PDB file of N, CA and C in Angstrom:
ATOM      1  N   GLU A   1     -16.164  -0.008  -5.546  1.00  0.00           N
ATOM      2  CA  GLU A   1     -16.517   0.012  -6.947  1.00  0.00           C
ATOM      3  C   GLU A   1     -15.539  -0.847  -7.741  1.00  0.00           C
ATOM      4  N   LYS A   2     -15.995  -1.299  -8.907  1.00  0.00           N
ATOM      5  CA  LYS A   2     -15.131  -2.073  -9.779  1.00  0.00           C
ATOM      6  C   LYS A   2     -13.966  -1.219 -10.220  1.00  0.00           C
ATOM      7  N   PRO A   3     -12.811  -1.735 -10.423  1.00  0.00           N
ATOM      8  CA  PRO A   3     -12.384  -3.113 -10.286  1.00  0.00           C
ATOM      9  C   PRO A   3     -11.824  -3.430  -8.902  1.00  0.00           C
ATOM     10  N   PHE A   4     -12.082  -2.566  -7.915  1.00  0.00           N
ATOM     11  CA  PHE A   4     -11.451  -2.716  -6.609  1.00  0.00           C
ATOM     12  C   PHE A   4     -12.284  -3.488  -5.601  1.00  0.00           C
ATOM     13  N   ARG A   5     -13.584  -3.588  -5.822  1.00  0.00           N
ATOM     14  CA  ARG A   5     -14.423  -4.323  -4.879  1.00  0.00           C
ATOM     15  C   ARG A   5     -13.943  -5.769  -4.798  1.00  0.00           C
ATOM     16  N   GLY A   6     -13.682  -6.211  -3.577  1.00  0.00           N
ATOM     17  CA  GLY A   6     -13.216  -7.575  -3.360  1.00  0.00           C
ATOM     18  C   GLY A   6     -11.703  -7.737  -3.439  1.00  0.00           C
ATOM     19  N   ALA A   7     -10.990  -6.647  -3.703  1.00  0.00           N
ATOM     20  CA  ALA A   7      -9.528  -6.730  -3.797  1.00  0.00           C
ATOM     21  C   ALA A   7      -8.936  -7.020  -2.416  1.00  0.00           C
ATOM     22  N   TYR A   8      -7.797  -7.654  -2.401  1.00  0.00           N
ATOM     23  CA  TYR A   8      -7.103  -7.959  -1.156  1.00  0.00           C
ATOM     24  C   TYR A   8      -6.451  -6.691  -0.624  1.00  0.00           C
ATOM     25  N   MET A   9      -6.634  -6.441   0.660  1.00  0.00           N
ATOM     26  CA  MET A   9      -6.028  -5.274   1.291  1.00  0.00           C
ATOM     27  C   MET A   9      -5.297  -5.726   2.539  1.00  0.00           C
ATOM     28  N   THR A  10      -4.070  -5.253   2.692  1.00  0.00           N
ATOM     29  CA  THR A  10      -3.267  -5.616   3.853  1.00  0.00           C
ATOM     30  C   THR A  10      -2.402  -4.435   4.249  1.00  0.00           C
ATOM     31  N   ASP A  11      -1.776  -4.555   5.383  1.00  0.00           N
ATOM     32  CA  ASP A  11      -0.870  -3.513   5.845  1.00  0.00           C
ATOM     33  C   ASP A  11       0.560  -3.861   5.475  1.00  0.00           C
ATOM     34  N   LEU A  12       1.316  -2.858   5.094  1.00  0.00           N
ATOM     35  CA  LEU A  12       2.744  -3.048   4.854  1.00  0.00           C
ATOM     36  C   LEU A  12       3.421  -3.390   6.173  1.00  0.00           C
ATOM     37  N   ILE A  13       3.023  -2.696   7.220  1.00  0.00           N
ATOM     38  CA  ILE A  13       3.574  -2.926   8.558  1.00  0.00           C
ATOM     39  C   ILE A  13       2.423  -3.324   9.464  1.00  0.00           C
ATOM     40  N   SER A  14       2.422  -4.552   9.915  1.00  0.00           N
ATOM     41  CA  SER A  14       1.328  -5.039  10.760  1.00  0.00           C
ATOM     42  C   SER A  14       1.683  -4.854  12.233  1.00  0.00           C
ATOM     43  N   HIS A  15       1.800  -3.591  12.607  1.00  0.00           N
ATOM     44  CA  HIS A  15       2.165  -3.232  13.972  1.00  0.00           C
ATOM     45  C   HIS A  15       1.208  -2.153  14.439  1.00  0.00           C
ATOM     46  N   GLY A  16       0.471  -2.438  15.504  1.00  0.00           N
ATOM     47  CA  GLY A  16      -0.499  -1.489  16.022  1.00  0.00           C
ATOM     48  C   GLY A  16       0.155  -0.361  16.795  1.00  0.00           C
ATOM     49  N   GLU A  17       0.359   0.748  16.133  1.00  0.00           N
ATOM     50  CA  GLU A  17       0.974   1.918  16.781  1.00  0.00           C
ATOM     51  C   GLU A  17       0.302   3.166  16.221  1.00  0.00           C
ATOM     52  N   PRO A  18      -0.399   3.920  17.076  1.00  0.00           N
ATOM     53  CA  PRO A  18      -1.118   5.088  16.571  1.00  0.00           C
ATOM     54  C   PRO A  18      -0.227   6.217  16.066  1.00  0.00           C
ATOM     55  N   ASP A  19       1.007   6.272  16.510  1.00  0.00           N
ATOM     56  CA  ASP A  19       1.914   7.341  16.087  1.00  0.00           C
ATOM     57  C   ASP A  19       2.807   6.834  14.965  1.00  0.00           C
ATOM     58  N   SER A  20       2.552   7.293  13.749  1.00  0.00           N
ATOM     59  CA  SER A  20       3.312   6.812  12.593  1.00  0.00           C
ATOM     60  C   SER A  20       4.790   7.152  12.692  1.00  0.00           C
ATOM     61  N   LYS A  21       5.138   8.216  13.405  1.00  0.00           N
ATOM     62  CA  LYS A  21       6.551   8.573  13.557  1.00  0.00           C
ATOM     63  C   LYS A  21       7.319   7.488  14.302  1.00  0.00           C
ATOM     64  N   ILE A  22       6.670   6.856  15.268  1.00  0.00           N
ATOM     65  CA  ILE A  22       7.300   5.759  16.006  1.00  0.00           C
ATOM     66  C   ILE A  22       7.522   4.566  15.082  1.00  0.00           C
ATOM     67  N   VAL A  23       6.535   4.288  14.257  1.00  0.00           N
ATOM     68  CA  VAL A  23       6.649   3.161  13.319  1.00  0.00           C
ATOM     69  C   VAL A  23       7.786   3.412  12.329  1.00  0.00           C
ATOM     70  N   ILE A  24       7.904   4.632  11.843  1.00  0.00           N
ATOM     71  CA  ILE A  24       8.978   4.961  10.908  1.00  0.00           C
ATOM     72  C   ILE A  24      10.341   4.766  11.575  1.00  0.00           C
ATOM     73  N   ARG A  25      10.463   5.172  12.827  1.00  0.00           N
ATOM     74  CA  ARG A  25      11.730   4.959  13.550  1.00  0.00           C
ATOM     75  C   ARG A  25      12.005   3.467  13.707  1.00  0.00           C
ATOM     76  N   LYS A  26      10.969   2.688  14.045  1.00  0.00           N
ATOM     77  CA  LYS A  26      11.159   1.238  14.201  1.00  0.00           C
ATOM     78  C   LYS A  26      11.555   0.596  12.874  1.00  0.00           C
ATOM     79  N   TRP A  27      11.046   1.146  11.765  1.00  0.00           N
ATOM     80  CA  TRP A  27      11.349   0.618  10.436  1.00  0.00           C
ATOM     81  C   TRP A  27      12.851   0.614  10.176  1.00  0.00           C
ATOM     82  N   GLU A  28      13.548   1.552  10.774  1.00  0.00           N
ATOM     83  CA  GLU A  28      14.998   1.637  10.600  1.00  0.00           C
ATOM     84  C   GLU A  28      15.718   0.472  11.277  1.00  0.00           C
ATOM     85  N   GLU A  29      15.056  -0.182  12.221  1.00  0.00           N
ATOM     86  CA  GLU A  29      15.634  -1.355  12.891  1.00  0.00           C
ATOM     87  C   GLU A  29      15.543  -2.548  11.949  1.00  0.00           C
ATOM     88  N   HIS A  30      16.667  -3.133  11.643  1.00  0.00           N
ATOM     89  CA  HIS A  30      16.727  -4.222  10.666  1.00  0.00           C
ATOM     90  C   HIS A  30      15.762  -5.365  11.008  1.00  0.00           C
ATOM     91  N   THR A  31      15.733  -5.814  12.251  1.00  0.00           N
ATOM     92  CA  THR A  31      14.884  -6.957  12.604  1.00  0.00           C
ATOM     93  C   THR A  31      13.406  -6.616  12.470  1.00  0.00           C
ATOM     94  N   PHE A  32      13.012  -5.408  12.821  1.00  0.00           N
ATOM     95  CA  PHE A  32      11.611  -4.983  12.677  1.00  0.00           C
ATOM     96  C   PHE A  32      11.205  -4.995  11.211  1.00  0.00           C
ATOM     97  N   ARG A  33      12.037  -4.372  10.370  1.00  0.00           N
ATOM     98  CA  ARG A  33      11.754  -4.301   8.936  1.00  0.00           C
ATOM     99  C   ARG A  33      11.704  -5.692   8.319  1.00  0.00           C
ATOM    100  N   GLU A  34      12.677  -6.525   8.650  1.00  0.00           N
ATOM    101  CA  GLU A  34      12.727  -7.872   8.085  1.00  0.00           C
ATOM    102  C   GLU A  34      11.509  -8.706   8.490  1.00  0.00           C
ATOM    103  N   GLN A  35      11.094  -8.588   9.717  1.00  0.00           N
ATOM    104  CA  GLN A  35       9.920  -9.333  10.194  1.00  0.00           C
ATOM    105  C   GLN A  35       8.678  -8.973   9.368  1.00  0.00           C
ATOM    106  N   HIS A  36       8.487  -7.702   9.132  1.00  0.00           N
ATOM    107  CA  HIS A  36       7.292  -7.271   8.402  1.00  0.00           C
ATOM    108  C   HIS A  36       7.392  -7.562   6.911  1.00  0.00           C
ATOM    109  N   MET A  37       8.585  -7.513   6.370  1.00  0.00           N
ATOM    110  CA  MET A  37       8.750  -7.845   4.959  1.00  0.00           C
ATOM    111  C   MET A  37       8.553  -9.344   4.727  1.00  0.00           C
ATOM    112  N   ARG A  38       9.048 -10.175   5.654  1.00  0.00           N
ATOM    113  CA  ARG A  38       8.800 -11.621   5.538  1.00  0.00           C
ATOM    114  C   ARG A  38       7.301 -11.893   5.587  1.00  0.00           C
ATOM    115  N   ASN A  39       6.591 -11.204   6.459  1.00  0.00           N
ATOM    116  CA  ASN A  39       5.148 -11.378   6.570  1.00  0.00           C
ATOM    117  C   ASN A  39       4.449 -11.003   5.250  1.00  0.00           C
ATOM    118  N   LEU A  40       4.819  -9.864   4.697  1.00  0.00           N
ATOM    119  CA  LEU A  40       4.193  -9.432   3.450  1.00  0.00           C
ATOM    120  C   LEU A  40       4.569 -10.358   2.295  1.00  0.00           C
ATOM    121  N   LYS A  41       5.821 -10.780   2.236  1.00  0.00           N
ATOM    122  CA  LYS A  41       6.238 -11.717   1.181  1.00  0.00           C
ATOM    123  C   LYS A  41       5.491 -13.037   1.299  1.00  0.00           C
ATOM    124  N   ALA A  42       5.237 -13.505   2.521  1.00  0.00           N
ATOM    125  CA  ALA A  42       4.468 -14.739   2.720  1.00  0.00           C
ATOM    126  C   ALA A  42       3.047 -14.560   2.198  1.00  0.00           C
ATOM    127  N   GLN A  43       2.456 -13.399   2.446  1.00  0.00           N
ATOM    128  CA  GLN A  43       1.117 -13.126   1.920  1.00  0.00           C
ATOM    129  C   GLN A  43       1.139 -13.116   0.397  1.00  0.00           C
ATOM    130  N   PHE A  44       2.144 -12.479  -0.178  1.00  0.00           N
ATOM    131  CA  PHE A  44       2.272 -12.443  -1.633  1.00  0.00           C
ATOM    132  C   PHE A  44       2.411 -13.854  -2.202  1.00  0.00           C
ATOM    133  N   ASP A  45       3.199 -14.702  -1.544  1.00  0.00           N
ATOM    134  CA  ASP A  45       3.381 -16.082  -2.014  1.00  0.00           C
ATOM    135  C   ASP A  45       2.063 -16.842  -1.992  1.00  0.00           C
ATOM    136  N   ILE A  46       1.316 -16.702  -0.913  1.00  0.00           N
ATOM    137  CA  ILE A  46       0.021 -17.392  -0.797  1.00  0.00           C
ATOM    138  C   ILE A  46      -0.923 -16.953  -1.908  1.00  0.00           C
ATOM    139  N   LEU A  47      -0.919 -15.663  -2.219  1.00  0.00           N
ATOM    140  CA  LEU A  47      -1.842 -15.110  -3.213  1.00  0.00           C
ATOM    141  C   LEU A  47      -1.325 -15.206  -4.644  1.00  0.00           C
ATOM    142  N   GLY A  48      -0.062 -15.598  -4.805  1.00  0.00           N
ATOM    143  CA  GLY A  48       0.516 -15.666  -6.150  1.00  0.00           C
ATOM    144  C   GLY A  48       0.812 -14.296  -6.739  1.00  0.00           C
ATOM    145  N   VAL A  49       1.133 -13.347  -5.891  1.00  0.00           N
ATOM    146  CA  VAL A  49       1.433 -11.985  -6.337  1.00  0.00           C
ATOM    147  C   VAL A  49       2.776 -11.980  -7.066  1.00  0.00           C
ATOM    148  N   MET A  50       2.771 -11.365  -8.227  1.00  0.00           N
ATOM    149  CA  MET A  50       3.971 -11.251  -9.055  1.00  0.00           C
ATOM    150  C   MET A  50       4.374  -9.778  -9.127  1.00  0.00           C
ATOM    151  N   PRO A  51       5.603  -9.476  -9.547  1.00  0.00           N
ATOM    152  CA  PRO A  51       6.020  -8.072  -9.664  1.00  0.00           C
ATOM    153  C   PRO A  51       5.161  -7.236 -10.615  1.00  0.00           C
ATOM    154  N   SER A  52       4.398  -7.883 -11.484  1.00  0.00           N
ATOM    155  CA  SER A  52       3.510  -7.150 -12.393  1.00  0.00           C
ATOM    156  C   SER A  52       2.092  -6.982 -11.823  1.00  0.00           C
ATOM    157  N   THR A  53       1.824  -7.566 -10.662  1.00  0.00           N
ATOM    158  CA  THR A  53       0.510  -7.458 -10.038  1.00  0.00           C
ATOM    159  C   THR A  53       0.245  -6.003  -9.648  1.00  0.00           C
ATOM    160  N   PRO A  54      -0.960  -5.481  -9.931  1.00  0.00           N
ATOM    161  CA  PRO A  54      -1.271  -4.105  -9.526  1.00  0.00           C
ATOM    162  C   PRO A  54      -1.245  -3.944  -8.006  1.00  0.00           C
ATOM    163  N   VAL A  55      -0.597  -2.882  -7.546  1.00  0.00           N
ATOM    164  CA  VAL A  55      -0.516  -2.571  -6.117  1.00  0.00           C
ATOM    165  C   VAL A  55      -0.840  -1.091  -5.950  1.00  0.00           C
ATOM    166  N   ILE A  56      -1.724  -0.800  -5.011  1.00  0.00           N
ATOM    167  CA  ILE A  56      -2.031   0.584  -4.664  1.00  0.00           C
ATOM    168  C   ILE A  56      -1.543   0.805  -3.245  1.00  0.00           C
ATOM    169  N   CYS A  57      -0.584   1.680  -3.086  1.00  0.00           N
ATOM    170  CA  CYS A  57      -0.067   2.022  -1.761  1.00  0.00           C
ATOM    171  C   CYS A  57      -0.875   3.205  -1.233  1.00  0.00           C
ATOM    172  N   ILE A  58      -1.384   3.052  -0.044  1.00  0.00           N
ATOM    173  CA  ILE A  58      -2.167   4.112   0.581  1.00  0.00           C
ATOM    174  C   ILE A  58      -1.227   4.950   1.437  1.00  0.00           C
ATOM    175  N   GLY A  59      -0.949   6.139   0.973  1.00  0.00           N
ATOM    176  CA  GLY A  59      -0.058   7.055   1.672  1.00  0.00           C
ATOM    177  C   GLY A  59       1.316   7.100   1.017  1.00  0.00           C
ATOM    178  N   LYS A  60       1.896   8.288   0.979  1.00  0.00           N
ATOM    179  CA  LYS A  60       3.197   8.474   0.342  1.00  0.00           C
ATOM    180  C   LYS A  60       4.305   7.735   1.084  1.00  0.00           C
ATOM    181  N   ILE A  61       4.244   7.727   2.410  1.00  0.00           N
ATOM    182  CA  ILE A  61       5.279   7.030   3.180  1.00  0.00           C
ATOM    183  C   ILE A  61       5.221   5.540   2.909  1.00  0.00           C
ATOM    184  N   THR A  62       4.018   4.993   2.850  1.00  0.00           N
ATOM    185  CA  THR A  62       3.868   3.570   2.540  1.00  0.00           C
ATOM    186  C   THR A  62       4.489   3.253   1.192  1.00  0.00           C
ATOM    187  N   ALA A  63       4.248   4.096   0.209  1.00  0.00           N
ATOM    188  CA  ALA A  63       4.815   3.870  -1.124  1.00  0.00           C
ATOM    189  C   ALA A  63       6.339   3.893  -1.079  1.00  0.00           C
ATOM    190  N   GLN A  64       6.910   4.841  -0.368  1.00  0.00           N
ATOM    191  CA  GLN A  64       8.367   4.917  -0.260  1.00  0.00           C
ATOM    192  C   GLN A  64       8.938   3.655   0.383  1.00  0.00           C
ATOM    193  N   LEU A  65       8.308   3.198   1.461  1.00  0.00           N
ATOM    194  CA  LEU A  65       8.779   1.995   2.140  1.00  0.00           C
ATOM    195  C   LEU A  65       8.608   0.765   1.256  1.00  0.00           C
ATOM    196  N   PHE A  66       7.485   0.683   0.544  1.00  0.00           N
ATOM    197  CA  PHE A  66       7.220  -0.447  -0.343  1.00  0.00           C
ATOM    198  C   PHE A  66       8.286  -0.531  -1.435  1.00  0.00           C
ATOM    199  N   PHE A  67       8.550   0.589  -2.103  1.00  0.00           N
ATOM    200  CA  PHE A  67       9.529   0.591  -3.196  1.00  0.00           C
ATOM    201  C   PHE A  67      10.935   0.280  -2.703  1.00  0.00           C
ATOM    202  N   ALA A  68      11.238   0.649  -1.480  1.00  0.00           N
ATOM    203  CA  ALA A  68      12.563   0.363  -0.924  1.00  0.00           C
ATOM    204  C   ALA A  68      12.792  -1.138  -0.773  1.00  0.00           C
ATOM    205  N   VAL A  69      11.716  -1.879  -0.525  1.00  0.00           N
ATOM    206  CA  VAL A  69      11.838  -3.313  -0.289  1.00  0.00           C
ATOM    207  C   VAL A  69      11.473  -4.125  -1.538  1.00  0.00           C
ATOM    208  N   PHE A  70      10.584  -3.606  -2.356  1.00  0.00           N
ATOM    209  CA  PHE A  70      10.111  -4.328  -3.545  1.00  0.00           C
ATOM    210  C   PHE A  70      10.366  -3.492  -4.810  1.00  0.00           C
ATOM    211  N   PRO A  71      11.618  -3.183  -5.123  1.00  0.00           N
ATOM    212  CA  PRO A  71      11.893  -2.341  -6.295  1.00  0.00           C
ATOM    213  C   PRO A  71      11.517  -3.013  -7.621  1.00  0.00           C
ATOM    214  N   GLU A  72      11.358  -4.320  -7.600  1.00  0.00           N
ATOM    215  CA  GLU A  72      11.035  -5.045  -8.831  1.00  0.00           C
ATOM    216  C   GLU A  72       9.575  -4.877  -9.257  1.00  0.00           C
ATOM    217  N   PHE A  73       8.726  -4.363  -8.371  1.00  0.00           N
ATOM    218  CA  PHE A  73       7.315  -4.172  -8.708  1.00  0.00           C
ATOM    219  C   PHE A  73       7.173  -2.964  -9.632  1.00  0.00           C
ATOM    220  N   SER A  74       6.471  -3.167 -10.744  1.00  0.00           N
ATOM    221  CA  SER A  74       6.374  -2.124 -11.760  1.00  0.00           C
ATOM    222  C   SER A  74       4.960  -1.579 -11.943  1.00  0.00           C
ATOM    223  N   ASN A  75       3.977  -2.208 -11.336  1.00  0.00           N
ATOM    224  CA  ASN A  75       2.569  -1.853 -11.545  1.00  0.00           C
ATOM    225  C   ASN A  75       2.000  -1.278 -10.243  1.00  0.00           C
ATOM    226  N   VAL A  76       2.614  -0.170  -9.778  1.00  0.00           N
ATOM    227  CA  VAL A  76       2.316   0.377  -8.457  1.00  0.00           C
ATOM    228  C   VAL A  76       1.981   1.864  -8.571  1.00  0.00           C
ATOM    229  N   VAL A  77       0.956   2.282  -7.829  1.00  0.00           N
ATOM    230  CA  VAL A  77       0.642   3.703  -7.701  1.00  0.00           C
ATOM    231  C   VAL A  77       0.469   4.031  -6.223  1.00  0.00           C
ATOM    232  N   ALA A  78       0.620   5.301  -5.888  1.00  0.00           N
ATOM    233  CA  ALA A  78       0.440   5.760  -4.509  1.00  0.00           C
ATOM    234  C   ALA A  78      -0.718   6.752  -4.464  1.00  0.00           C
ATOM    235  N   LEU A  79      -1.557   6.582  -3.483  1.00  0.00           N
ATOM    236  CA  LEU A  79      -2.737   7.423  -3.296  1.00  0.00           C
ATOM    237  C   LEU A  79      -2.643   8.081  -1.930  1.00  0.00           C
ATOM    238  N   LYS A  80      -3.124   9.311  -1.826  1.00  0.00           N
ATOM    239  CA  LYS A  80      -3.151   9.954  -0.512  1.00  0.00           C
ATOM    240  C   LYS A  80      -3.942   9.080   0.452  1.00  0.00           C
ATOM    241  N   HIS A  81      -3.640   9.200   1.719  1.00  0.00           N
ATOM    242  CA  HIS A  81      -4.334   8.406   2.732  1.00  0.00           C
ATOM    243  C   HIS A  81      -5.819   8.784   2.754  1.00  0.00           C
ATOM    244  N   PRO A  82      -6.730   7.787   2.817  1.00  0.00           N
ATOM    245  CA  PRO A  82      -8.173   8.068   2.813  1.00  0.00           C
ATOM    246  C   PRO A  82      -8.634   8.985   3.947  1.00  0.00           C
ATOM    247  N   ASN A  83      -7.918   9.022   5.064  1.00  0.00           N
ATOM    248  CA  ASN A  83      -8.330   9.914   6.154  1.00  0.00           C
ATOM    249  C   ASN A  83      -8.346  11.365   5.721  1.00  0.00           C
ATOM    250  N   SER A  84      -7.461  11.739   4.819  1.00  0.00           N
ATOM    251  CA  SER A  84      -7.443  13.129   4.360  1.00  0.00           C
ATOM    252  C   SER A  84      -8.718  13.454   3.587  1.00  0.00           C
ATOM    253  N   TYR A  85      -9.326  12.468   2.959  1.00  0.00           N
ATOM    254  CA  TYR A  85     -10.590  12.666   2.270  1.00  0.00           C
ATOM    255  C   TYR A  85     -11.766  12.560   3.255  1.00  0.00           C
ATOM    256  N   ARG A  86     -11.710  11.554   4.101  1.00  0.00           N
ATOM    257  CA  ARG A  86     -12.807  11.280   5.031  1.00  0.00           C
ATOM    258  C   ARG A  86     -13.052  12.471   5.960  1.00  0.00           C
ATOM    259  N   MET A  87     -11.980  13.094   6.407  1.00  0.00           N
ATOM    260  CA  MET A  87     -12.120  14.220   7.319  1.00  0.00           C
ATOM    261  C   MET A  87     -12.853  15.386   6.649  1.00  0.00           C
ATOM    262  N   LYS A  88     -12.790  15.440   5.340  1.00  0.00           N
ATOM    263  CA  LYS A  88     -13.458  16.509   4.594  1.00  0.00           C
ATOM    264  C   LYS A  88     -14.774  16.035   3.980  1.00  0.00           C
ATOM    265  N   GLY A  89     -15.128  14.759   4.207  1.00  0.00           N
ATOM    266  CA  GLY A  89     -16.365  14.221   3.650  1.00  0.00           C
ATOM    267  C   GLY A  89     -16.350  14.124   2.137  1.00  0.00           C
ATOM    268  N   ASN A  90     -15.203  13.816   1.573  1.00  0.00           N
ATOM    269  CA  ASN A  90     -15.054  13.804   0.115  1.00  0.00           C
ATOM    270  C   ASN A  90     -14.863  12.412  -0.448  1.00  0.00           C
ATOM    271  N   ARG A  91     -15.797  11.512  -0.176  1.00  0.00           N
ATOM    272  CA  ARG A  91     -15.699  10.142  -0.701  1.00  0.00           C
ATOM    273  C   ARG A  91     -15.635  10.141  -2.225  1.00  0.00           C
ATOM    274  N   SER A  92     -16.461  10.962  -2.861  1.00  0.00           N
ATOM    275  CA  SER A  92     -16.484  10.976  -4.321  1.00  0.00           C
ATOM    276  C   SER A  92     -15.161  11.497  -4.892  1.00  0.00           C
ATOM    277  N   VAL A  93     -14.518  12.443  -4.191  1.00  0.00           N
ATOM    278  CA  VAL A  93     -13.212  12.941  -4.639  1.00  0.00           C
ATOM    279  C   VAL A  93     -12.177  11.820  -4.511  1.00  0.00           C
ATOM    280  N   PHE A  94     -12.228  11.083  -3.398  1.00  0.00           N
ATOM    281  CA  PHE A  94     -11.322   9.950  -3.200  1.00  0.00           C
ATOM    282  C   PHE A  94     -11.468   8.946  -4.340  1.00  0.00           C
ATOM    283  N   LEU A  95     -12.710   8.571  -4.652  1.00  0.00           N
ATOM    284  CA  LEU A  95     -12.930   7.582  -5.716  1.00  0.00           C
ATOM    285  C   LEU A  95     -12.473   8.125  -7.071  1.00  0.00           C
ATOM    286  N   GLY A  96     -12.687   9.408  -7.318  1.00  0.00           N
ATOM    287  CA  GLY A  96     -12.215  10.009  -8.568  1.00  0.00           C
ATOM    288  C   GLY A  96     -10.703  10.004  -8.659  1.00  0.00           C
ATOM    289  N   ASP A  97     -10.047  10.352  -7.555  1.00  0.00           N
ATOM    290  CA  ASP A  97      -8.577  10.311  -7.537  1.00  0.00           C
ATOM    291  C   ASP A  97      -8.066   8.894  -7.744  1.00  0.00           C
ATOM    292  N   LEU A  98      -8.726   7.929  -7.131  1.00  0.00           N
ATOM    293  CA  LEU A  98      -8.332   6.527  -7.286  1.00  0.00           C
ATOM    294  C   LEU A  98      -8.463   6.097  -8.742  1.00  0.00           C
ATOM    295  N   ARG A  99      -9.587   6.437  -9.366  1.00  0.00           N
ATOM    296  CA  ARG A  99      -9.782   6.087 -10.774  1.00  0.00           C
ATOM    297  C   ARG A  99      -8.702   6.725 -11.657  1.00  0.00           C
ATOM    298  N   SER A 100      -8.420   8.004 -11.402  1.00  0.00           N
ATOM    299  CA  SER A 100      -7.410   8.712 -12.205  1.00  0.00           C
ATOM    300  C   SER A 100      -6.037   8.077 -12.073  1.00  0.00           C
ATOM    301  N   LEU A 101      -5.664   7.776 -10.842  1.00  0.00           N
ATOM    302  CA  LEU A 101      -4.337   7.185 -10.584  1.00  0.00           C
ATOM    303  C   LEU A 101      -4.191   5.820 -11.223  1.00  0.00           C
ATOM    304  N   THR A 102      -5.242   5.053 -11.199  1.00  0.00           N
ATOM    305  CA  THR A 102      -5.132   3.661 -11.645  1.00  0.00           C
ATOM    306  C   THR A 102      -5.357   3.475 -13.133  1.00  0.00           C
ATOM    307  N   LYS A 103      -5.577   4.533 -13.856  1.00  0.00           N
ATOM    308  CA  LYS A 103      -5.739   4.407 -15.323  1.00  0.00           C
ATOM    309  C   LYS A 103      -4.485   3.815 -15.955  1.00  0.00           C
ATOM    310  N   GLY A 104      -3.327   4.091 -15.357  1.00  0.00           N
ATOM    311  CA  GLY A 104      -2.080   3.573 -15.895  1.00  0.00           C
ATOM    312  C   GLY A 104      -1.739   2.160 -15.434  1.00  0.00           C
ATOM    313  N   LEU A 105      -2.511   1.616 -14.489  1.00  0.00           N
ATOM    314  CA  LEU A 105      -2.237   0.263 -14.000  1.00  0.00           C
ATOM    315  C   LEU A 105      -2.781  -0.778 -14.974  1.00  0.00           C
ATOM    316  N   ALA A 106      -2.090  -1.877 -15.092  1.00  0.00           N
ATOM    317  CA  ALA A 106      -2.584  -3.022 -15.843  1.00  0.00           C
ATOM    318  C   ALA A 106      -3.447  -3.839 -14.891  1.00  0.00           C
ATOM    319  N   LEU A 107      -4.752  -3.695 -14.984  1.00  0.00           N
ATOM    320  CA  LEU A 107      -5.676  -4.334 -14.036  1.00  0.00           C
ATOM    321  C   LEU A 107      -6.221  -5.647 -14.584  1.00  0.00           C
ATOM    322  N   GLY A 108      -5.621  -6.170 -15.624  1.00  0.00           N
ATOM    323  CA  GLY A 108      -5.981  -7.378 -16.310  1.00  0.00           C
ATOM    324  C   GLY A 108      -6.661  -8.374 -15.566  1.00  0.00           C
TER     325      GLY A 108
END
């Protein structure tokens, strides 16, 4: 739905690992973290992302990791992971929560 249809979506950590606890442990490794942050920064550069660009972090852990690396970003909200909604069949609740959270974002 508008204004999110067609928005760019990417992973903070582009590492295929089904166990998030393992990924969090790897995040503590400087080279692992730096590799993924360089990747995300390169994507931001290509897209012209600025610290005022709206960002929606999916999941509380993602938001914590994002803010640790990009503290200059000011137009950011965190949303519960969609799986918590999908497992309960609550797509409309997910969209309502998304709308509520993003009311404070500058979506210009």
